[in-house]
Amino acid sequence: MGDLFKALGDANRRALLDALKEEDGQSLGRLAERLPQMTRFGVGSHLAVLEDAGLITTMKSGRRKLHYLNAVPLVEMQQRWLSEYTRDAAAGLLAFGHDVEEHPMTRSDPAPRPTTIYALHIRAGIDRVWEALVDTGTPRPWLYGTTTDSSWLPGTAYTQASGGFTLIGGDVLDVDPPRHLRLGFDAQWDEATAAEPAGIIDYLLEPVDDGGSVTLLTVTLWDLVGESAAAAERDTPQIYSSLKSWLETGEAL
């Protein structure tokens, strides 16, 4: 938690987070334009501090390294110290991490591009985290009590439903237990999202320590637009923080 406060305590680093709030997935060169008084090396050093604190995640795109805002540590800070305050006060503290992007980002590159990336450490073994993600046929407390049904075989379908109503569906695109799961993401919870093109949700699980007691879970959503993208930006930190709480304490948020 000390790294988080250190990272947020510098105005230049807050400016970089603001830049990623406005447009996620920026290169070092683009971000350096926000701090013209500073060298690229200086900007890179600030980005390293933010990455160490878990406030940003990175992904290679060709020769470039793209940076994405990761709001999960902010949600965890809210849950640890601010839960007794009003919802509005907590929302004010977390505003820059949860502002909804009203319009999808345009790009000339036709290749898929992440819409949202979140990463968090969970004090549970990789097999246990995997089992939570692929739990089938029973309500999942950490995911609003919804039920997921699938055989989890590549090429087959899956559904996430509540009360007999399908909220999200798609195909199982890739399965490599217990390290990688990639699914189609076709939001269907209302007419607006049902009309939008489907995206992809990707789970990467990595053991962190030699004892296997901590797992790094990275959740990446690709090519979502409109209301689907807005919901991913708004809800993803809360959902997977709830998964973390459920696995670590037995209680979902």
C-alpha atoms as a PDB file:
ATOM      1  CA  MET A   1       0.000   0.000   0.000  1.00  0.00           C
ATOM      2  CA  GLY A   2       2.961   2.316   0.592  1.00  0.00           C
ATOM      3  CA  ASP A   3       3.899   2.110  -3.098  1.00  0.00           C
ATOM      4  CA  LEU A   4       0.374   3.222  -3.982  1.00  0.00           C
ATOM      5  CA  PHE A   5       0.522   6.353  -1.835  1.00  0.00           C
ATOM      6  CA  LYS A   6       4.017   7.134  -3.093  1.00  0.00           C
ATOM      7  CA  ALA A   7       2.842   6.837  -6.695  1.00  0.00           C
ATOM      8  CA  LEU A   8      -0.198   9.048  -6.171  1.00  0.00           C
ATOM      9  CA  GLY A   9       1.759  11.638  -4.199  1.00  0.00           C
ATOM     10  CA  ASP A  10       3.507  13.106  -7.251  1.00  0.00           C
ATOM     11  CA  ALA A  11       1.674  15.588  -9.505  1.00  0.00           C
ATOM     12  CA  ASN A  12       3.492  14.379 -12.623  1.00  0.00           C
ATOM     13  CA  ARG A  13       2.390  10.801 -12.025  1.00  0.00           C
ATOM     14  CA  ARG A  14      -1.177  11.933 -11.442  1.00  0.00           C
ATOM     15  CA  ALA A  15      -1.011  13.776 -14.772  1.00  0.00           C
ATOM     16  CA  LEU A  16       0.056  10.546 -16.487  1.00  0.00           C
ATOM     17  CA  LEU A  17      -2.871   8.691 -14.920  1.00  0.00           C
ATOM     18  CA  ASP A  18      -5.193  11.467 -16.095  1.00  0.00           C
ATOM     19  CA  ALA A  19      -3.812  11.036 -19.611  1.00  0.00           C
ATOM     20  CA  LEU A  20      -4.562   7.300 -19.508  1.00  0.00           C
ATOM     21  CA  LYS A  21      -8.046   7.996 -18.167  1.00  0.00           C
ATOM     22  CA  GLU A  22      -8.691  10.145 -21.233  1.00  0.00           C
ATOM     23  CA  GLU A  23      -7.186   7.632 -23.675  1.00  0.00           C
ATOM     24  CA  ASP A  24      -6.036   4.205 -22.550  1.00  0.00           C
ATOM     25  CA  GLY A  25      -3.266   2.257 -24.253  1.00  0.00           C
ATOM     26  CA  GLN A  26      -0.696   5.007 -24.916  1.00  0.00           C
ATOM     27  CA  SER A  27       2.987   4.680 -25.728  1.00  0.00           C
ATOM     28  CA  LEU A  28       5.817   6.364 -23.835  1.00  0.00           C
ATOM     29  CA  GLY A  29       6.155   8.921 -26.642  1.00  0.00           C
ATOM     30  CA  ARG A  30       2.489   9.926 -26.450  1.00  0.00           C
ATOM     31  CA  LEU A  31       2.580  10.179 -22.672  1.00  0.00           C
ATOM     32  CA  ALA A  32       5.754  12.259 -22.769  1.00  0.00           C
ATOM     33  CA  GLU A  33       3.770  14.924 -24.647  1.00  0.00           C
ATOM     34  CA  ARG A  34       1.774  15.505 -21.446  1.00  0.00           C
ATOM     35  CA  LEU A  35       4.964  16.436 -19.583  1.00  0.00           C
ATOM     36  CA  PRO A  36       6.941  18.546 -22.106  1.00  0.00           C
ATOM     37  CA  GLN A  37       9.195  19.892 -19.363  1.00  0.00           C
ATOM     38  CA  MET A  38      10.519  16.404 -18.692  1.00  0.00           C
ATOM     39  CA  THR A  39      12.772  14.047 -20.675  1.00  0.00           C
ATOM     40  CA  ARG A  40      11.452  10.744 -21.984  1.00  0.00           C
ATOM     41  CA  PHE A  41      13.707   9.035 -19.455  1.00  0.00           C
ATOM     42  CA  GLY A  42      12.052  10.993 -16.659  1.00  0.00           C
ATOM     43  CA  VAL A  43       8.574  10.107 -17.907  1.00  0.00           C
ATOM     44  CA  GLY A  44       9.646   6.474 -18.192  1.00  0.00           C
ATOM     45  CA  SER A  45      10.841   6.548 -14.584  1.00  0.00           C
ATOM     46  CA  HIS A  46       7.458   7.856 -13.422  1.00  0.00           C
ATOM     47  CA  LEU A  47       5.687   5.150 -15.433  1.00  0.00           C
ATOM     48  CA  ALA A  48       7.878   2.522 -13.761  1.00  0.00           C
ATOM     49  CA  VAL A  49       6.777   3.789 -10.331  1.00  0.00           C
ATOM     50  CA  LEU A  50       3.122   3.617 -11.401  1.00  0.00           C
ATOM     51  CA  GLU A  51       3.593   0.103 -12.764  1.00  0.00           C
ATOM     52  CA  ASP A  52       5.317  -1.054  -9.560  1.00  0.00           C
ATOM     53  CA  ALA A  53       2.341   0.288  -7.597  1.00  0.00           C
ATOM     54  CA  GLY A  54      -0.038  -1.637  -9.848  1.00  0.00           C
ATOM     55  CA  LEU A  55      -1.750   1.516 -11.117  1.00  0.00           C
ATOM     56  CA  ILE A  56      -0.893   0.772 -14.730  1.00  0.00           C
ATOM     57  CA  THR A  57      -0.357  -2.375 -16.747  1.00  0.00           C
ATOM     58  CA  THR A  58       1.565  -2.678 -19.998  1.00  0.00           C
ATOM     59  CA  MET A  59       1.306  -4.685 -23.189  1.00  0.00           C
ATOM     60  CA  LYS A  60       3.597  -5.026 -26.195  1.00  0.00           C
ATOM     61  CA  SER A  61       2.188  -3.924 -29.557  1.00  0.00           C
ATOM     62  CA  GLY A  62       4.838  -4.563 -32.194  1.00  0.00           C
ATOM     63  CA  ARG A  63       7.863  -2.544 -31.126  1.00  0.00           C
ATOM     64  CA  ARG A  64       5.812  -0.309 -28.869  1.00  0.00           C
ATOM     65  CA  LYS A  65       4.947  -0.756 -25.208  1.00  0.00           C
ATOM     66  CA  LEU A  66       1.427   0.459 -24.460  1.00  0.00           C
ATOM     67  CA  HIS A  67       0.303   1.588 -21.008  1.00  0.00           C
ATOM     68  CA  TYR A  68      -3.175   0.992 -19.533  1.00  0.00           C
ATOM     69  CA  LEU A  69      -4.851   2.355 -16.415  1.00  0.00           C
ATOM     70  CA  ASN A  70      -5.437  -0.302 -13.733  1.00  0.00           C
ATOM     71  CA  ALA A  71      -8.021   0.826 -11.155  1.00  0.00           C
ATOM     72  CA  VAL A  72      -7.952  -2.325  -9.021  1.00  0.00           C
ATOM     73  CA  PRO A  73      -5.542  -0.935  -6.329  1.00  0.00           C
ATOM     74  CA  LEU A  74      -7.800   2.095  -5.943  1.00  0.00           C
ATOM     75  CA  VAL A  75     -10.834  -0.118  -5.430  1.00  0.00           C
ATOM     76  CA  GLU A  76      -8.920  -2.126  -2.830  1.00  0.00           C
ATOM     77  CA  MET A  77      -7.973   1.087  -1.028  1.00  0.00           C
ATOM     78  CA  GLN A  78     -11.620   2.141  -1.020  1.00  0.00           C
ATOM     79  CA  GLN A  79     -12.707  -1.188   0.438  1.00  0.00           C
ATOM     80  CA  ARG A  80     -10.016  -1.144   3.105  1.00  0.00           C
ATOM     81  CA  TRP A  81     -10.512   2.343   4.508  1.00  0.00           C
ATOM     82  CA  LEU A  82     -13.439   4.133   2.917  1.00  0.00           C
ATOM     83  CA  SER A  83     -16.304   1.647   3.150  1.00  0.00           C
ATOM     84  CA  GLU A  84     -17.766   3.518   6.143  1.00  0.00           C
ATOM     85  CA  TYR A  85     -18.086   6.737   4.207  1.00  0.00           C
ATOM     86  CA  THR A  86     -20.869   7.587   1.816  1.00  0.00           C
ATOM     87  CA  ARG A  87     -20.848   6.124  -1.661  1.00  0.00           C
ATOM     88  CA  ASP A  88     -20.500   9.586  -3.165  1.00  0.00           C
ATOM     89  CA  ALA A  89     -17.356  10.312  -1.174  1.00  0.00           C
ATOM     90  CA  ALA A  90     -15.743   7.062  -2.276  1.00  0.00           C
ATOM     91  CA  ALA A  91     -16.763   7.681  -5.859  1.00  0.00           C
ATOM     92  CA  GLY A  92     -15.134  11.103  -5.708  1.00  0.00           C
ATOM     93  CA  LEU A  93     -11.824   9.602  -4.604  1.00  0.00           C
ATOM     94  CA  LEU A  94     -11.927   7.008  -7.372  1.00  0.00           C
ATOM     95  CA  ALA A  95     -13.328   9.274 -10.090  1.00  0.00           C
ATOM     96  CA  PHE A  96     -10.312   9.249 -12.398  1.00  0.00           C
ATOM     97  CA  GLY A  97     -10.259   5.429 -12.373  1.00  0.00           C
ATOM     98  CA  HIS A  98     -13.934   4.969 -13.148  1.00  0.00           C
ATOM     99  CA  ASP A  99     -14.923   7.739 -15.556  1.00  0.00           C
ATOM    100  CA  VAL A 100     -16.792   6.159 -18.423  1.00  0.00           C
ATOM    101  CA  GLU A 101     -15.411   6.584 -21.922  1.00  0.00           C
ATOM    102  CA  GLU A 102     -18.425   7.889 -23.834  1.00  0.00           C
ATOM    103  CA  HIS A 103     -16.998   7.131 -27.266  1.00  0.00           C
ATOM    104  CA  PRO A 104     -14.898   4.201 -28.478  1.00  0.00           C
ATOM    105  CA  MET A 105     -11.317   4.933 -29.445  1.00  0.00           C
ATOM    106  CA  THR A 106     -10.776   5.104 -33.200  1.00  0.00           C
ATOM    107  CA  ARG A 107      -7.784   3.463 -34.833  1.00  0.00           C
ATOM    108  CA  SER A 108      -6.554   2.604 -38.303  1.00  0.00           C
ATOM    109  CA  ASP A 109      -4.933  -0.673 -37.233  1.00  0.00           C
ATOM    110  CA  PRO A 110      -7.521  -3.441 -37.805  1.00  0.00           C
ATOM    111  CA  ALA A 111      -5.885  -5.776 -35.289  1.00  0.00           C
ATOM    112  CA  PRO A 112      -7.686  -6.275 -31.952  1.00  0.00           C
ATOM    113  CA  ARG A 113      -6.765  -3.773 -29.277  1.00  0.00           C
ATOM    114  CA  PRO A 114      -7.430  -4.046 -25.552  1.00  0.00           C
ATOM    115  CA  THR A 115     -10.367  -2.015 -24.303  1.00  0.00           C
ATOM    116  CA  THR A 116      -9.615  -2.603 -20.625  1.00  0.00           C
ATOM    117  CA  ILE A 117      -6.787  -4.324 -18.721  1.00  0.00           C
ATOM    118  CA  TYR A 118      -6.807  -5.050 -14.998  1.00  0.00           C
ATOM    119  CA  ALA A 119      -4.282  -6.990 -12.944  1.00  0.00           C
ATOM    120  CA  LEU A 120      -4.415  -8.045  -9.312  1.00  0.00           C
ATOM    121  CA  HIS A 121      -2.584 -10.352  -6.926  1.00  0.00           C
ATOM    122  CA  ILE A 122      -4.722 -12.956  -5.163  1.00  0.00           C
ATOM    123  CA  ARG A 123      -3.563 -14.874  -2.098  1.00  0.00           C
ATOM    124  CA  ALA A 124      -4.658 -18.233  -3.503  1.00  0.00           C
ATOM    125  CA  GLY A 125      -3.030 -20.929  -5.604  1.00  0.00           C
ATOM    126  CA  ILE A 126      -3.360 -20.839  -9.358  1.00  0.00           C
ATOM    127  CA  ASP A 127      -5.555 -23.969  -9.451  1.00  0.00           C
ATOM    128  CA  ARG A 128      -8.027 -22.438  -7.008  1.00  0.00           C
ATOM    129  CA  VAL A 129      -8.266 -19.203  -8.999  1.00  0.00           C
ATOM    130  CA  TRP A 130      -8.780 -21.210 -12.198  1.00  0.00           C
ATOM    131  CA  GLU A 131     -11.541 -23.278 -10.607  1.00  0.00           C
ATOM    132  CA  ALA A 132     -13.333 -20.090  -9.557  1.00  0.00           C
ATOM    133  CA  LEU A 133     -13.223 -18.764 -13.124  1.00  0.00           C
ATOM    134  CA  VAL A 134     -14.588 -21.961 -14.713  1.00  0.00           C
ATOM    135  CA  ASP A 135     -17.051 -22.916 -11.970  1.00  0.00           C
ATOM    136  CA  THR A 136     -20.049 -24.307 -13.848  1.00  0.00           C
ATOM    137  CA  GLY A 137     -23.697 -24.696 -13.013  1.00  0.00           C
ATOM    138  CA  THR A 138     -23.749 -23.028  -9.582  1.00  0.00           C
ATOM    139  CA  PRO A 139     -24.278 -19.359  -8.666  1.00  0.00           C
ATOM    140  CA  ARG A 140     -20.999 -17.512  -8.183  1.00  0.00           C
ATOM    141  CA  PRO A 141     -21.139 -15.125  -5.198  1.00  0.00           C
ATOM    142  CA  TRP A 142     -18.338 -12.939  -6.547  1.00  0.00           C
ATOM    143  CA  LEU A 143     -20.118 -12.388  -9.879  1.00  0.00           C
ATOM    144  CA  TYR A 144     -23.474 -11.042  -8.694  1.00  0.00           C
ATOM    145  CA  GLY A 145     -24.736 -14.596  -8.084  1.00  0.00           C
ATOM    146  CA  THR A 146     -24.855 -15.388 -11.807  1.00  0.00           C
ATOM    147  CA  THR A 147     -24.413 -18.922 -13.130  1.00  0.00           C
ATOM    148  CA  THR A 148     -22.046 -19.874 -15.941  1.00  0.00           C
ATOM    149  CA  ASP A 149     -22.634 -22.976 -18.056  1.00  0.00           C
ATOM    150  CA  SER A 150     -20.077 -24.473 -20.434  1.00  0.00           C
ATOM    151  CA  SER A 151     -18.086 -27.612 -21.173  1.00  0.00           C
ATOM    152  CA  TRP A 152     -14.999 -25.329 -21.456  1.00  0.00           C
ATOM    153  CA  LEU A 153     -13.888 -27.120 -24.620  1.00  0.00           C
ATOM    154  CA  PRO A 154     -12.462 -24.918 -27.404  1.00  0.00           C
ATOM    155  CA  GLY A 155     -15.125 -24.069 -29.963  1.00  0.00           C
ATOM    156  CA  THR A 156     -18.057 -24.698 -27.649  1.00  0.00           C
ATOM    157  CA  ALA A 157     -20.386 -22.062 -26.251  1.00  0.00           C
ATOM    158  CA  TYR A 158     -20.728 -20.624 -22.769  1.00  0.00           C
ATOM    159  CA  THR A 159     -23.415 -18.486 -21.135  1.00  0.00           C
ATOM    160  CA  GLN A 160     -23.512 -16.334 -18.028  1.00  0.00           C
ATOM    161  CA  ALA A 161     -27.083 -16.054 -16.811  1.00  0.00           C
ATOM    162  CA  SER A 162     -29.251 -14.931 -13.916  1.00  0.00           C
ATOM    163  CA  GLY A 163     -32.835 -16.025 -13.350  1.00  0.00           C
ATOM    164  CA  GLY A 164     -32.883 -17.815 -16.687  1.00  0.00           C
ATOM    165  CA  PHE A 165     -31.876 -14.642 -18.562  1.00  0.00           C
ATOM    166  CA  THR A 166     -28.597 -14.669 -20.480  1.00  0.00           C
ATOM    167  CA  LEU A 167     -26.426 -11.660 -19.668  1.00  0.00           C
ATOM    168  CA  ILE A 168     -23.266 -12.598 -21.563  1.00  0.00           C
ATOM    169  CA  GLY A 169     -22.580 -15.331 -24.105  1.00  0.00           C
ATOM    170  CA  GLY A 170     -19.955 -16.390 -26.587  1.00  0.00           C
ATOM    171  CA  ASP A 171     -17.594 -19.152 -27.628  1.00  0.00           C
ATOM    172  CA  VAL A 172     -14.665 -20.672 -25.776  1.00  0.00           C
ATOM    173  CA  LEU A 173     -11.745 -19.547 -27.942  1.00  0.00           C
ATOM    174  CA  ASP A 174      -8.714 -20.932 -26.107  1.00  0.00           C
ATOM    175  CA  VAL A 175      -8.211 -23.017 -22.964  1.00  0.00           C
ATOM    176  CA  ASP A 176      -4.873 -23.846 -21.327  1.00  0.00           C
ATOM    177  CA  PRO A 177      -5.624 -24.912 -17.727  1.00  0.00           C
ATOM    178  CA  PRO A 178      -4.768 -23.397 -15.321  1.00  0.00           C
ATOM    179  CA  ARG A 179      -2.979 -20.515 -17.015  1.00  0.00           C
ATOM    180  CA  HIS A 180      -5.019 -19.105 -19.872  1.00  0.00           C
ATOM    181  CA  LEU A 181      -8.688 -18.765 -20.824  1.00  0.00           C
ATOM    182  CA  ARG A 182      -9.997 -16.720 -23.747  1.00  0.00           C
ATOM    183  CA  LEU A 183     -13.715 -16.268 -24.375  1.00  0.00           C
ATOM    184  CA  GLY A 184     -15.933 -14.385 -26.756  1.00  0.00           C
ATOM    185  CA  PHE A 185     -17.751 -11.581 -24.925  1.00  0.00           C
ATOM    186  CA  ASP A 186     -21.212 -10.868 -26.342  1.00  0.00           C
ATOM    187  CA  ALA A 187     -23.073  -8.641 -23.867  1.00  0.00           C
ATOM    188  CA  GLN A 188     -26.844  -9.185 -23.950  1.00  0.00           C
ATOM    189  CA  TRP A 189     -28.155  -7.595 -20.762  1.00  0.00           C
ATOM    190  CA  ASP A 190     -30.198  -4.943 -22.598  1.00  0.00           C
ATOM    191  CA  GLU A 191     -31.169  -3.930 -26.121  1.00  0.00           C
ATOM    192  CA  ALA A 192     -28.259  -1.499 -26.490  1.00  0.00           C
ATOM    193  CA  THR A 193     -25.531  -4.004 -25.662  1.00  0.00           C
ATOM    194  CA  ALA A 194     -27.226  -6.822 -27.612  1.00  0.00           C
ATOM    195  CA  ALA A 195     -26.944  -4.659 -30.740  1.00  0.00           C
ATOM    196  CA  GLU A 196     -23.203  -4.057 -30.280  1.00  0.00           C
ATOM    197  CA  PRO A 197     -20.488  -6.275 -31.807  1.00  0.00           C
ATOM    198  CA  ALA A 198     -18.989  -8.935 -29.569  1.00  0.00           C
ATOM    199  CA  GLY A 199     -15.541  -8.570 -28.060  1.00  0.00           C
ATOM    200  CA  ILE A 200     -13.156 -10.899 -26.232  1.00  0.00           C
ATOM    201  CA  ILE A 201     -12.300 -11.448 -22.571  1.00  0.00           C
ATOM    202  CA  ASP A 202      -8.927 -12.941 -21.778  1.00  0.00           C
ATOM    203  CA  TYR A 203      -7.683 -14.364 -18.465  1.00  0.00           C
ATOM    204  CA  LEU A 204      -3.986 -14.910 -17.775  1.00  0.00           C
ATOM    205  CA  LEU A 205      -2.969 -16.600 -14.505  1.00  0.00           C
ATOM    206  CA  GLU A 206       0.622 -16.604 -13.263  1.00  0.00           C
ATOM    207  CA  PRO A 207       2.026 -17.986 -10.001  1.00  0.00           C
ATOM    208  CA  VAL A 208       3.960 -15.276  -8.188  1.00  0.00           C
ATOM    209  CA  ASP A 209       5.884 -17.033  -5.435  1.00  0.00           C
ATOM    210  CA  ASP A 210       7.718 -20.366  -5.229  1.00  0.00           C
ATOM    211  CA  GLY A 211       5.224 -21.665  -2.700  1.00  0.00           C
ATOM    212  CA  GLY A 212       2.348 -21.202  -5.124  1.00  0.00           C
ATOM    213  CA  SER A 213       0.260 -19.266  -2.604  1.00  0.00           C
ATOM    214  CA  VAL A 214      -0.153 -16.082  -4.650  1.00  0.00           C
ATOM    215  CA  THR A 215      -1.503 -15.759  -8.192  1.00  0.00           C
ATOM    216  CA  LEU A 216      -1.335 -12.775 -10.533  1.00  0.00           C
ATOM    217  CA  LEU A 217      -4.601 -12.571 -12.477  1.00  0.00           C
ATOM    218  CA  THR A 218      -4.654 -10.301 -15.540  1.00  0.00           C
ATOM    219  CA  VAL A 219      -8.044  -9.659 -17.151  1.00  0.00           C
ATOM    220  CA  THR A 220      -8.030  -8.123 -20.632  1.00  0.00           C
ATOM    221  CA  LEU A 221     -11.133  -7.118 -22.569  1.00  0.00           C
ATOM    222  CA  TRP A 222     -10.655  -6.613 -26.295  1.00  0.00           C
ATOM    223  CA  ASP A 223     -12.563  -4.545 -28.849  1.00  0.00           C
ATOM    224  CA  LEU A 224     -15.614  -3.653 -26.796  1.00  0.00           C
ATOM    225  CA  VAL A 225     -17.517  -0.541 -27.867  1.00  0.00           C
ATOM    226  CA  GLY A 226     -20.336   1.651 -26.629  1.00  0.00           C
ATOM    227  CA  GLU A 227     -22.246   0.469 -23.560  1.00  0.00           C
ATOM    228  CA  SER A 228     -20.267  -2.786 -23.370  1.00  0.00           C
ATOM    229  CA  ALA A 229     -16.991  -0.851 -23.117  1.00  0.00           C
ATOM    230  CA  ALA A 230     -18.471   1.552 -20.570  1.00  0.00           C
ATOM    231  CA  ALA A 231     -19.660  -1.332 -18.397  1.00  0.00           C
ATOM    232  CA  ALA A 232     -16.254  -3.019 -18.591  1.00  0.00           C
ATOM    233  CA  GLU A 233     -14.498   0.170 -17.500  1.00  0.00           C
ATOM    234  CA  ARG A 234     -16.959   0.725 -14.670  1.00  0.00           C
ATOM    235  CA  ASP A 235     -17.532  -2.788 -13.301  1.00  0.00           C
ATOM    236  CA  THR A 236     -14.408  -4.860 -13.978  1.00  0.00           C
ATOM    237  CA  PRO A 237     -12.385  -3.608 -10.955  1.00  0.00           C
ATOM    238  CA  GLN A 238     -15.278  -4.292  -8.599  1.00  0.00           C
ATOM    239  CA  ILE A 239     -15.990  -7.759 -10.029  1.00  0.00           C
ATOM    240  CA  TYR A 240     -12.447  -9.073  -9.733  1.00  0.00           C
ATOM    241  CA  SER A 241     -11.836  -7.376  -6.407  1.00  0.00           C
ATOM    242  CA  SER A 242     -14.901  -9.339  -5.284  1.00  0.00           C
ATOM    243  CA  LEU A 243     -13.300 -12.531  -6.635  1.00  0.00           C
ATOM    244  CA  LYS A 244     -10.137 -11.715  -4.689  1.00  0.00           C
ATOM    245  CA  SER A 245     -12.134 -11.150  -1.500  1.00  0.00           C
ATOM    246  CA  TRP A 246     -14.099 -14.372  -1.963  1.00  0.00           C
ATOM    247  CA  LEU A 247     -10.996 -16.486  -2.489  1.00  0.00           C
ATOM    248  CA  GLU A 248      -9.050 -14.881   0.359  1.00  0.00           C
ATOM    249  CA  THR A 249     -11.773 -14.504   2.994  1.00  0.00           C
ATOM    250  CA  GLY A 250     -14.696 -16.657   1.864  1.00  0.00           C
ATOM    251  CA  GLU A 251     -16.891 -13.571   1.469  1.00  0.00           C
ATOM    252  CA  ALA A 252     -17.660 -11.775  -1.772  1.00  0.00           C
ATOM    253  CA  LEU A 253     -18.061  -8.005  -1.792  1.00  0.00           C
END
